[in-house]
Amino acid sequence: MKGKLSNRLSYLGAGIGLALFVVFGLLPGSFIGGVLGLNIAGAVFGIPIAPSILSRIVVAMGMLTGVMVTGLIFMVGGATMGWLMGTVAEVITKGEKERATEPITGERNS
């Protein structure tokens, strides 16, 4: 049962990161990847870029790479944040459980 809460919150954080990626990261990732693909195609095929199949494939691969990297960052970031919050919650609840099981004595430790 060790680490159960942190694992659950890690999965929850990854799901939230995926949802945030769909809302905020899909379009910017595509734009940035497309620009990088255009720069690579311009370096390989020369500028102005001819509308050939190979240059379009290079741009499409750049867009796909941009979207995948952005999604990876959102999901890993969300999972990491969830795991950290779960770990902190486990430490806090473990401390409360230990304090609850301590015997009550009449002496004060000052």
N, C-alpha and C. Protein backbone atom coordinates (compact mmCIF):
# COMPACT_ATOMS: atom_id res chain seq x y z
N MET A 1 0.82 -1.18 0.00
CA MET A 1 0.00 0.00 0.00
C MET A 1 0.87 1.26 0.00
N LYS A 2 2.17 1.07 0.07
CA LYS A 2 3.09 2.19 0.10
C LYS A 2 3.06 2.91 -1.26
N GLY A 3 2.87 4.21 -1.24
CA GLY A 3 2.88 4.99 -2.46
C GLY A 3 1.60 4.93 -3.25
N LYS A 4 0.52 4.44 -2.67
CA LYS A 4 -0.71 4.28 -3.43
C LYS A 4 -1.32 5.63 -3.77
N LEU A 5 -1.36 6.55 -2.84
CA LEU A 5 -1.93 7.87 -3.10
C LEU A 5 -1.10 8.64 -4.12
N SER A 6 0.21 8.55 -4.02
CA SER A 6 1.05 9.27 -4.98
C SER A 6 0.89 8.70 -6.39
N ASN A 7 0.70 7.38 -6.50
CA ASN A 7 0.48 6.79 -7.83
C ASN A 7 -0.86 7.24 -8.41
N ARG A 8 -1.89 7.26 -7.58
CA ARG A 8 -3.20 7.70 -8.07
C ARG A 8 -3.16 9.15 -8.53
N LEU A 9 -2.54 9.99 -7.74
CA LEU A 9 -2.46 11.40 -8.11
C LEU A 9 -1.54 11.62 -9.30
N SER A 10 -0.58 10.74 -9.50
CA SER A 10 0.27 10.82 -10.68
C SER A 10 -0.55 10.57 -11.95
N TYR A 11 -1.40 9.54 -11.90
CA TYR A 11 -2.27 9.27 -13.05
C TYR A 11 -3.27 10.41 -13.27
N LEU A 12 -3.80 10.93 -12.19
CA LEU A 12 -4.72 12.05 -12.29
C LEU A 12 -4.03 13.27 -12.89
N GLY A 13 -2.80 13.54 -12.44
CA GLY A 13 -2.04 14.66 -12.98
C GLY A 13 -1.73 14.49 -14.46
N ALA A 14 -1.44 13.26 -14.88
CA ALA A 14 -1.19 13.01 -16.30
C ALA A 14 -2.45 13.26 -17.12
N GLY A 15 -3.59 12.86 -16.58
CA GLY A 15 -4.86 13.11 -17.28
C GLY A 15 -5.17 14.59 -17.37
N ILE A 16 -4.93 15.32 -16.28
CA ILE A 16 -5.15 16.76 -16.31
C ILE A 16 -4.18 17.43 -17.27
N GLY A 17 -2.92 16.95 -17.29
CA GLY A 17 -1.94 17.48 -18.23
C GLY A 17 -2.35 17.24 -19.67
N LEU A 18 -2.93 16.07 -19.95
CA LEU A 18 -3.41 15.77 -21.30
C LEU A 18 -4.56 16.69 -21.69
N ALA A 19 -5.48 16.93 -20.76
CA ALA A 19 -6.59 17.84 -21.04
C ALA A 19 -6.08 19.26 -21.28
N LEU A 20 -5.13 19.70 -20.47
CA LEU A 20 -4.56 21.04 -20.68
C LEU A 20 -3.81 21.13 -22.00
N PHE A 21 -3.17 20.03 -22.40
CA PHE A 21 -2.48 20.02 -23.69
C PHE A 21 -3.47 20.19 -24.82
N VAL A 22 -4.60 19.50 -24.74
CA VAL A 22 -5.60 19.60 -25.81
C VAL A 22 -6.14 21.02 -25.91
N VAL A 23 -6.33 21.68 -24.76
CA VAL A 23 -6.90 23.02 -24.76
C VAL A 23 -5.86 24.08 -25.11
N PHE A 24 -4.68 23.99 -24.50
CA PHE A 24 -3.70 25.08 -24.63
C PHE A 24 -2.45 24.75 -25.43
N GLY A 25 -2.16 23.49 -25.72
CA GLY A 25 -0.87 23.16 -26.30
C GLY A 25 -0.88 22.63 -27.71
N LEU A 26 -2.02 22.17 -28.20
CA LEU A 26 -2.06 21.52 -29.50
C LEU A 26 -1.74 22.49 -30.64
N LEU A 27 -2.42 23.61 -30.67
CA LEU A 27 -2.21 24.57 -31.75
C LEU A 27 -0.82 25.24 -31.69
N PRO A 28 -0.36 25.72 -30.52
CA PRO A 28 0.99 26.29 -30.49
C PRO A 28 2.08 25.27 -30.83
N GLY A 29 1.91 24.02 -30.39
CA GLY A 29 2.89 22.99 -30.74
C GLY A 29 2.95 22.76 -32.24
N SER A 30 1.78 22.78 -32.87
CA SER A 30 1.72 22.62 -34.32
C SER A 30 2.38 23.80 -35.04
N PHE A 31 2.12 25.00 -34.55
CA PHE A 31 2.72 26.19 -35.17
C PHE A 31 4.24 26.17 -35.04
N ILE A 32 4.73 25.92 -33.85
CA ILE A 32 6.18 25.93 -33.63
C ILE A 32 6.85 24.82 -34.43
N GLY A 33 6.26 23.63 -34.43
CA GLY A 33 6.81 22.54 -35.22
C GLY A 33 6.77 22.83 -36.71
N GLY A 34 5.72 23.50 -37.16
CA GLY A 34 5.63 23.86 -38.58
C GLY A 34 6.70 24.85 -38.99
N VAL A 35 6.96 25.81 -38.13
CA VAL A 35 8.01 26.79 -38.43
C VAL A 35 9.37 26.11 -38.47
N LEU A 36 9.60 25.21 -37.51
CA LEU A 36 10.87 24.47 -37.54
C LEU A 36 10.98 23.60 -38.79
N GLY A 37 9.85 22.98 -39.18
CA GLY A 37 9.86 22.19 -40.41
C GLY A 37 10.13 23.04 -41.64
N LEU A 38 9.57 24.25 -41.68
CA LEU A 38 9.84 25.15 -42.80
C LEU A 38 11.31 25.57 -42.84
N ASN A 39 11.90 25.82 -41.67
CA ASN A 39 13.31 26.18 -41.62
C ASN A 39 14.20 25.03 -42.10
N ILE A 40 13.86 23.82 -41.68
CA ILE A 40 14.64 22.65 -42.12
C ILE A 40 14.47 22.43 -43.62
N ALA A 41 13.24 22.52 -44.11
CA ALA A 41 13.01 22.35 -45.55
C ALA A 41 13.72 23.44 -46.35
N GLY A 42 13.74 24.67 -45.83
CA GLY A 42 14.45 25.75 -46.51
C GLY A 42 15.95 25.51 -46.55
N ALA A 43 16.50 24.92 -45.49
CA ALA A 43 17.93 24.63 -45.46
C ALA A 43 18.28 23.48 -46.40
N VAL A 44 17.40 22.51 -46.50
CA VAL A 44 17.68 21.33 -47.33
C VAL A 44 17.39 21.59 -48.80
N PHE A 45 16.22 22.18 -49.11
CA PHE A 45 15.79 22.33 -50.49
C PHE A 45 16.00 23.72 -51.05
N GLY A 46 16.40 24.66 -50.23
CA GLY A 46 16.63 26.02 -50.68
C GLY A 46 15.38 26.87 -50.53
N ILE A 47 15.63 28.19 -50.43
CA ILE A 47 14.52 29.13 -50.28
C ILE A 47 14.38 29.89 -51.58
N PRO A 48 13.26 30.09 -52.15
CA PRO A 48 11.92 29.71 -51.71
C PRO A 48 11.70 28.20 -51.86
N ILE A 49 10.89 27.67 -50.98
CA ILE A 49 10.64 26.23 -50.95
C ILE A 49 9.65 25.87 -52.05
N ALA A 50 10.04 24.93 -52.87
CA ALA A 50 9.15 24.46 -53.94
C ALA A 50 8.06 23.58 -53.32
N PRO A 51 6.84 23.65 -53.86
CA PRO A 51 5.75 22.84 -53.29
C PRO A 51 5.83 21.37 -53.74
N SER A 52 6.89 20.71 -53.35
CA SER A 52 7.06 19.30 -53.73
C SER A 52 6.62 18.40 -52.57
N ILE A 53 6.54 17.14 -52.85
CA ILE A 53 6.11 16.17 -51.84
C ILE A 53 7.12 16.09 -50.69
N LEU A 54 8.41 16.08 -51.02
CA LEU A 54 9.43 15.94 -49.97
C LEU A 54 9.43 17.13 -49.01
N SER A 55 9.29 18.33 -49.53
CA SER A 55 9.27 19.49 -48.64
C SER A 55 8.02 19.48 -47.76
N ARG A 56 6.91 19.04 -48.31
CA ARG A 56 5.68 18.95 -47.50
C ARG A 56 5.81 17.88 -46.43
N ILE A 57 6.48 16.78 -46.73
CA ILE A 57 6.70 15.73 -45.75
C ILE A 57 7.58 16.24 -44.61
N VAL A 58 8.61 17.02 -44.96
CA VAL A 58 9.50 17.57 -43.93
C VAL A 58 8.72 18.51 -43.02
N VAL A 59 7.87 19.36 -43.58
CA VAL A 59 7.07 20.29 -42.78
C VAL A 59 6.07 19.51 -41.91
N ALA A 60 5.44 18.49 -42.47
CA ALA A 60 4.48 17.69 -41.71
C ALA A 60 5.17 16.96 -40.56
N MET A 61 6.36 16.44 -40.80
CA MET A 61 7.10 15.76 -39.73
C MET A 61 7.51 16.76 -38.64
N GLY A 62 7.84 17.98 -39.03
CA GLY A 62 8.15 19.02 -38.05
C GLY A 62 6.93 19.35 -37.20
N MET A 63 5.76 19.45 -37.83
CA MET A 63 4.53 19.73 -37.09
C MET A 63 4.20 18.58 -36.14
N LEU A 64 4.34 17.35 -36.61
CA LEU A 64 4.06 16.19 -35.77
C LEU A 64 5.02 16.13 -34.59
N THR A 65 6.28 16.42 -34.84
CA THR A 65 7.27 16.43 -33.76
C THR A 65 6.95 17.52 -32.74
N GLY A 66 6.56 18.70 -33.20
CA GLY A 66 6.20 19.78 -32.29
C GLY A 66 5.02 19.42 -31.41
N VAL A 67 4.01 18.78 -31.99
CA VAL A 67 2.84 18.38 -31.23
C VAL A 67 3.20 17.30 -30.22
N MET A 68 4.01 16.33 -30.63
CA MET A 68 4.39 15.24 -29.72
C MET A 68 5.24 15.74 -28.55
N VAL A 69 6.17 16.62 -28.82
CA VAL A 69 7.02 17.14 -27.75
C VAL A 69 6.20 17.99 -26.78
N THR A 70 5.29 18.80 -27.31
CA THR A 70 4.44 19.61 -26.45
C THR A 70 3.55 18.73 -25.58
N GLY A 71 2.97 17.69 -26.17
CA GLY A 71 2.14 16.77 -25.40
C GLY A 71 2.94 16.04 -24.33
N LEU A 72 4.16 15.64 -24.67
CA LEU A 72 5.02 14.97 -23.70
C LEU A 72 5.33 15.89 -22.52
N ILE A 73 5.61 17.13 -22.80
CA ILE A 73 5.92 18.08 -21.73
C ILE A 73 4.71 18.28 -20.82
N PHE A 74 3.53 18.45 -21.41
CA PHE A 74 2.33 18.64 -20.60
C PHE A 74 2.03 17.41 -19.75
N MET A 75 2.13 16.22 -20.33
CA MET A 75 1.79 15.00 -19.58
C MET A 75 2.82 14.69 -18.50
N VAL A 76 4.08 14.81 -18.82
CA VAL A 76 5.11 14.54 -17.81
C VAL A 76 5.06 15.59 -16.70
N GLY A 77 4.84 16.83 -17.07
CA GLY A 77 4.71 17.88 -16.05
C GLY A 77 3.51 17.65 -15.15
N GLY A 78 2.38 17.28 -15.73
CA GLY A 78 1.19 17.00 -14.92
C GLY A 78 1.37 15.79 -14.02
N ALA A 79 1.97 14.73 -14.55
CA ALA A 79 2.21 13.53 -13.75
C ALA A 79 3.19 13.82 -12.62
N THR A 80 4.21 14.61 -12.89
CA THR A 80 5.18 14.95 -11.86
C THR A 80 4.54 15.79 -10.76
N MET A 81 3.72 16.76 -11.15
CA MET A 81 3.05 17.58 -10.15
C MET A 81 2.09 16.75 -9.30
N GLY A 82 1.36 15.83 -9.94
CA GLY A 82 0.46 14.96 -9.19
C GLY A 82 1.22 14.05 -8.24
N TRP A 83 2.33 13.50 -8.70
CA TRP A 83 3.14 12.63 -7.85
C TRP A 83 3.69 13.39 -6.65
N LEU A 84 4.17 14.62 -6.89
CA LEU A 84 4.69 15.42 -5.78
C LEU A 84 3.60 15.75 -4.77
N MET A 85 2.42 16.11 -5.25
CA MET A 85 1.32 16.41 -4.33
C MET A 85 0.91 15.17 -3.56
N GLY A 86 0.91 14.01 -4.21
CA GLY A 86 0.58 12.76 -3.51
C GLY A 86 1.62 12.40 -2.47
N THR A 87 2.88 12.61 -2.79
CA THR A 87 3.94 12.32 -1.84
C THR A 87 3.84 13.23 -0.61
N VAL A 88 3.59 14.50 -0.84
CA VAL A 88 3.43 15.44 0.27
C VAL A 88 2.21 15.06 1.11
N ALA A 89 1.12 14.69 0.46
CA ALA A 89 -0.09 14.30 1.21
C ALA A 89 0.16 13.03 2.03
N GLU A 90 0.94 12.08 1.47
CA GLU A 90 1.27 10.87 2.22
C GLU A 90 2.12 11.19 3.45
N VAL A 91 3.07 12.09 3.30
CA VAL A 91 3.92 12.46 4.44
C VAL A 91 3.09 13.15 5.51
N ILE A 92 2.19 14.04 5.10
CA ILE A 92 1.36 14.75 6.07
C ILE A 92 0.42 13.79 6.79
N THR A 93 -0.23 12.91 6.05
CA THR A 93 -1.16 11.98 6.70
C THR A 93 -0.43 10.95 7.56
N LYS A 94 0.78 10.58 7.16
CA LYS A 94 1.57 9.65 7.98
C LYS A 94 1.93 10.30 9.30
N GLY A 95 2.29 11.58 9.28
CA GLY A 95 2.61 12.31 10.50
C GLY A 95 1.39 12.44 11.41
N GLU A 96 0.22 12.66 10.82
CA GLU A 96 -1.00 12.77 11.62
C GLU A 96 -1.37 11.42 12.24
N LYS A 97 -1.16 10.34 11.51
CA LYS A 97 -1.46 9.01 12.04
C LYS A 97 -0.52 8.67 13.21
N GLU A 98 0.76 9.05 13.08
CA GLU A 98 1.70 8.79 14.16
C GLU A 98 1.35 9.61 15.40
N ARG A 99 0.93 10.87 15.21
CA ARG A 99 0.55 11.69 16.35
C ARG A 99 -0.72 11.16 17.01
N ALA A 100 -1.61 10.58 16.22
CA ALA A 100 -2.87 10.08 16.77
C ALA A 100 -2.64 8.81 17.60
N THR A 101 -1.59 8.05 17.30
CA THR A 101 -1.34 6.80 18.02
C THR A 101 -0.39 6.98 19.20
N GLU A 102 0.15 8.18 19.42
CA GLU A 102 1.04 8.42 20.56
C GLU A 102 0.26 8.35 21.86
N PRO A 103 0.84 7.78 22.90
CA PRO A 103 0.15 7.78 24.19
C PRO A 103 0.16 9.19 24.77
N ILE A 104 -0.94 9.53 25.41
CA ILE A 104 -1.06 10.86 26.00
C ILE A 104 -0.50 10.79 27.42
N THR A 105 0.45 11.64 27.71
CA THR A 105 1.04 11.69 29.06
C THR A 105 0.77 13.06 29.64
N GLY A 106 0.89 13.15 30.95
CA GLY A 106 0.65 14.40 31.63
C GLY A 106 1.82 15.34 31.57
N GLU A 107 2.97 14.90 31.10
CA GLU A 107 4.16 15.75 31.06
C GLU A 107 4.20 16.52 29.76
N ARG A 108 4.74 17.70 29.87
CA ARG A 108 4.93 18.52 28.67
C ARG A 108 6.40 18.53 28.30
N ASN A 109 6.67 18.43 27.03
CA ASN A 109 8.05 18.53 26.55
C ASN A 109 8.28 19.94 26.07
N SER A 110 8.97 20.74 26.85
CA SER A 110 9.20 22.13 26.47
C SER A 110 10.65 22.35 26.16
